[in-house]
Amino acid sequence: MSIVASPAVVGCGQPSATAAETSRASALGKHRSILIAGLVPALAALALSAYVLHLPNVLYGVHEYDDGVYLGAALRLVHGAVPYRDFVVVHPPGIVVLMAPLAALG
């Protein structure tokens, strides 16, 4: 007479995890860490935006001289002019390119 132990008896009342369950659990752990890694910067950006928008006079227009220069250069860029060849800009070209989508709307 031989006694065969079932998985429930060997695992102290709980069946052992299969390979599929283990890989599923590790995949969920990876997705959770990716979600947290993306959620933290998004919440930080939202908090920073809320802070900036609560400052007084933020939504009342251009505050400094350079903003108009950047927008003017971006308007020229949107209409086909090339910086440093067709018009003079004393600033690096990156800000002109960053302002181009705003200039395209205006």
C-alpha atoms as a PDB file:
ATOM      1  CA  MET A   1       0.000   0.000   0.000  1.00  0.00           C
ATOM      2  CA  SER A   2       1.507   3.334  -1.030  1.00  0.00           C
ATOM      3  CA  ILE A   3       0.412   6.801  -0.047  1.00  0.00           C
ATOM      4  CA  VAL A   4       0.582   9.514  -2.698  1.00  0.00           C
ATOM      5  CA  ALA A   5       0.556  13.079  -1.446  1.00  0.00           C
ATOM      6  CA  SER A   6      -1.510  15.587  -3.374  1.00  0.00           C
ATOM      7  CA  PRO A   7      -0.132  19.086  -4.087  1.00  0.00           C
ATOM      8  CA  ALA A   8      -2.506  20.537  -1.514  1.00  0.00           C
ATOM      9  CA  VAL A   9      -0.996  18.357   1.220  1.00  0.00           C
ATOM     10  CA  VAL A  10       2.637  19.061   0.238  1.00  0.00           C
ATOM     11  CA  GLY A  11       2.225  22.844   0.127  1.00  0.00           C
ATOM     12  CA  CYS A  12       0.640  23.043   3.591  1.00  0.00           C
ATOM     13  CA  GLY A  13      -2.828  23.456   2.246  1.00  0.00           C
ATOM     14  CA  GLN A  14      -2.010  25.677  -0.729  1.00  0.00           C
ATOM     15  CA  PRO A  15      -1.256  24.429  -4.237  1.00  0.00           C
ATOM     16  CA  SER A  16       2.134  25.379  -5.681  1.00  0.00           C
ATOM     17  CA  ALA A  17       2.259  28.079  -8.377  1.00  0.00           C
ATOM     18  CA  THR A  18       2.653  26.984 -11.949  1.00  0.00           C
ATOM     19  CA  ALA A  19       5.195  28.495 -14.340  1.00  0.00           C
ATOM     20  CA  ALA A  20       2.463  30.491 -16.108  1.00  0.00           C
ATOM     21  CA  GLU A  21       1.277  32.024 -12.847  1.00  0.00           C
ATOM     22  CA  THR A  22       4.839  32.946 -11.898  1.00  0.00           C
ATOM     23  CA  SER A  23       5.536  34.606 -15.247  1.00  0.00           C
ATOM     24  CA  ARG A  24       2.205  36.444 -15.055  1.00  0.00           C
ATOM     25  CA  ALA A  25       3.087  37.766 -11.600  1.00  0.00           C
ATOM     26  CA  SER A  26       6.506  38.968 -12.788  1.00  0.00           C
ATOM     27  CA  ALA A  27       4.923  40.636 -15.834  1.00  0.00           C
ATOM     28  CA  LEU A  28       2.438  42.443 -13.585  1.00  0.00           C
ATOM     29  CA  GLY A  29       5.329  43.617 -11.437  1.00  0.00           C
ATOM     30  CA  LYS A  30       7.096  45.026 -14.500  1.00  0.00           C
ATOM     31  CA  HIS A  31       3.952  46.812 -15.692  1.00  0.00           C
ATOM     32  CA  ARG A  32       3.380  48.232 -12.222  1.00  0.00           C
ATOM     33  CA  SER A  33       6.931  49.650 -12.064  1.00  0.00           C
ATOM     34  CA  ILE A  34       6.563  51.150 -15.557  1.00  0.00           C
ATOM     35  CA  LEU A  35       3.246  52.705 -14.520  1.00  0.00           C
ATOM     36  CA  ILE A  36       4.786  54.195 -11.390  1.00  0.00           C
ATOM     37  CA  ALA A  37       7.823  55.445 -13.349  1.00  0.00           C
ATOM     38  CA  GLY A  38       5.497  57.280 -15.749  1.00  0.00           C
ATOM     39  CA  LEU A  39       3.018  58.446 -13.147  1.00  0.00           C
ATOM     40  CA  VAL A  40       5.496  60.199 -10.863  1.00  0.00           C
ATOM     41  CA  PRO A  41       6.852  62.636 -13.518  1.00  0.00           C
ATOM     42  CA  ALA A  42       3.335  63.285 -14.808  1.00  0.00           C
ATOM     43  CA  LEU A  43       2.103  64.205 -11.333  1.00  0.00           C
ATOM     44  CA  ALA A  44       5.169  66.396 -10.771  1.00  0.00           C
ATOM     45  CA  ALA A  45       4.515  68.243 -14.054  1.00  0.00           C
ATOM     46  CA  LEU A  46       0.868  68.697 -13.104  1.00  0.00           C
ATOM     47  CA  ALA A  47       1.804  70.093  -9.692  1.00  0.00           C
ATOM     48  CA  LEU A  48       4.352  72.472 -11.244  1.00  0.00           C
ATOM     49  CA  SER A  49       1.796  73.667 -13.798  1.00  0.00           C
ATOM     50  CA  ALA A  50      -0.781  74.262 -11.082  1.00  0.00           C
ATOM     51  CA  TYR A  51       1.780  76.230  -9.077  1.00  0.00           C
ATOM     52  CA  VAL A  52       2.735  78.429 -12.029  1.00  0.00           C
ATOM     53  CA  LEU A  53      -0.879  79.076 -12.985  1.00  0.00           C
ATOM     54  CA  HIS A  54      -1.831  80.199  -9.496  1.00  0.00           C
ATOM     55  CA  LEU A  55       0.764  83.007  -9.573  1.00  0.00           C
ATOM     56  CA  PRO A  56      -0.687  86.504 -10.036  1.00  0.00           C
ATOM     57  CA  ASN A  57      -0.831  87.991 -13.569  1.00  0.00           C
ATOM     58  CA  VAL A  58       0.278  84.793 -15.302  1.00  0.00           C
ATOM     59  CA  LEU A  59      -2.528  84.750 -17.841  1.00  0.00           C
ATOM     60  CA  TYR A  60      -2.374  88.443 -18.807  1.00  0.00           C
ATOM     61  CA  GLY A  61       0.008  88.224 -21.754  1.00  0.00           C
ATOM     62  CA  VAL A  62       3.678  88.782 -22.521  1.00  0.00           C
ATOM     63  CA  HIS A  63       5.767  89.697 -19.493  1.00  0.00           C
ATOM     64  CA  GLU A  64       9.223  90.273 -20.883  1.00  0.00           C
ATOM     65  CA  TYR A  65      10.823  91.789 -23.931  1.00  0.00           C
ATOM     66  CA  ASP A  66      12.388  88.538 -25.149  1.00  0.00           C
ATOM     67  CA  ASP A  67       9.023  86.833 -25.603  1.00  0.00           C
ATOM     68  CA  GLY A  68       8.104  89.230 -28.401  1.00  0.00           C
ATOM     69  CA  VAL A  69      11.482  88.769 -30.060  1.00  0.00           C
ATOM     70  CA  TYR A  70      11.117  84.992 -29.956  1.00  0.00           C
ATOM     71  CA  LEU A  71       7.573  85.115 -31.293  1.00  0.00           C
ATOM     72  CA  GLY A  72       8.555  87.512 -34.083  1.00  0.00           C
ATOM     73  CA  ALA A  73      11.411  85.259 -35.138  1.00  0.00           C
ATOM     74  CA  ALA A  74       9.129  82.230 -34.992  1.00  0.00           C
ATOM     75  CA  LEU A  75       6.563  84.012 -37.167  1.00  0.00           C
ATOM     76  CA  ARG A  76       9.241  84.703 -39.757  1.00  0.00           C
ATOM     77  CA  LEU A  77      10.373  81.062 -39.579  1.00  0.00           C
ATOM     78  CA  VAL A  78       6.793  79.813 -40.096  1.00  0.00           C
ATOM     79  CA  HIS A  79       6.444  82.052 -43.154  1.00  0.00           C
ATOM     80  CA  GLY A  80       9.566  80.619 -44.773  1.00  0.00           C
ATOM     81  CA  ALA A  81      12.417  82.875 -43.670  1.00  0.00           C
ATOM     82  CA  VAL A  82      15.639  81.252 -42.475  1.00  0.00           C
ATOM     83  CA  PRO A  83      17.203  82.567 -39.244  1.00  0.00           C
ATOM     84  CA  TYR A  84      20.693  84.128 -39.553  1.00  0.00           C
ATOM     85  CA  ARG A  85      20.294  84.334 -43.341  1.00  0.00           C
ATOM     86  CA  ASP A  86      17.037  86.214 -43.868  1.00  0.00           C
ATOM     87  CA  PHE A  87      16.803  87.992 -40.502  1.00  0.00           C
ATOM     88  CA  VAL A  88      19.005  88.660 -37.512  1.00  0.00           C
ATOM     89  CA  VAL A  89      18.442  86.838 -34.247  1.00  0.00           C
ATOM     90  CA  VAL A  90      20.882  87.300 -31.395  1.00  0.00           C
ATOM     91  CA  HIS A  91      19.636  84.210 -29.555  1.00  0.00           C
ATOM     92  CA  PRO A  92      20.243  80.506 -30.299  1.00  0.00           C
ATOM     93  CA  PRO A  93      17.850  78.997 -32.859  1.00  0.00           C
ATOM     94  CA  GLY A  94      16.304  76.464 -30.448  1.00  0.00           C
ATOM     95  CA  ILE A  95      13.857  78.918 -28.922  1.00  0.00           C
ATOM     96  CA  VAL A  96      12.713  80.038 -32.367  1.00  0.00           C
ATOM     97  CA  VAL A  97      11.958  76.424 -33.293  1.00  0.00           C
ATOM     98  CA  LEU A  98      10.157  75.857 -29.972  1.00  0.00           C
ATOM     99  CA  MET A  99       7.988  78.929 -30.531  1.00  0.00           C
ATOM    100  CA  ALA A 100       7.125  77.933 -34.121  1.00  0.00           C
ATOM    101  CA  PRO A 101       3.959  75.949 -33.208  1.00  0.00           C
ATOM    102  CA  LEU A 102       2.623  78.957 -31.313  1.00  0.00           C
ATOM    103  CA  ALA A 103       3.478  81.212 -34.239  1.00  0.00           C
ATOM    104  CA  ALA A 104       1.693  78.855 -36.615  1.00  0.00           C
ATOM    105  CA  LEU A 105      -1.486  79.282 -34.562  1.00  0.00           C
ATOM    106  CA  GLY A 106      -1.244  83.086 -34.686  1.00  0.00           C
END
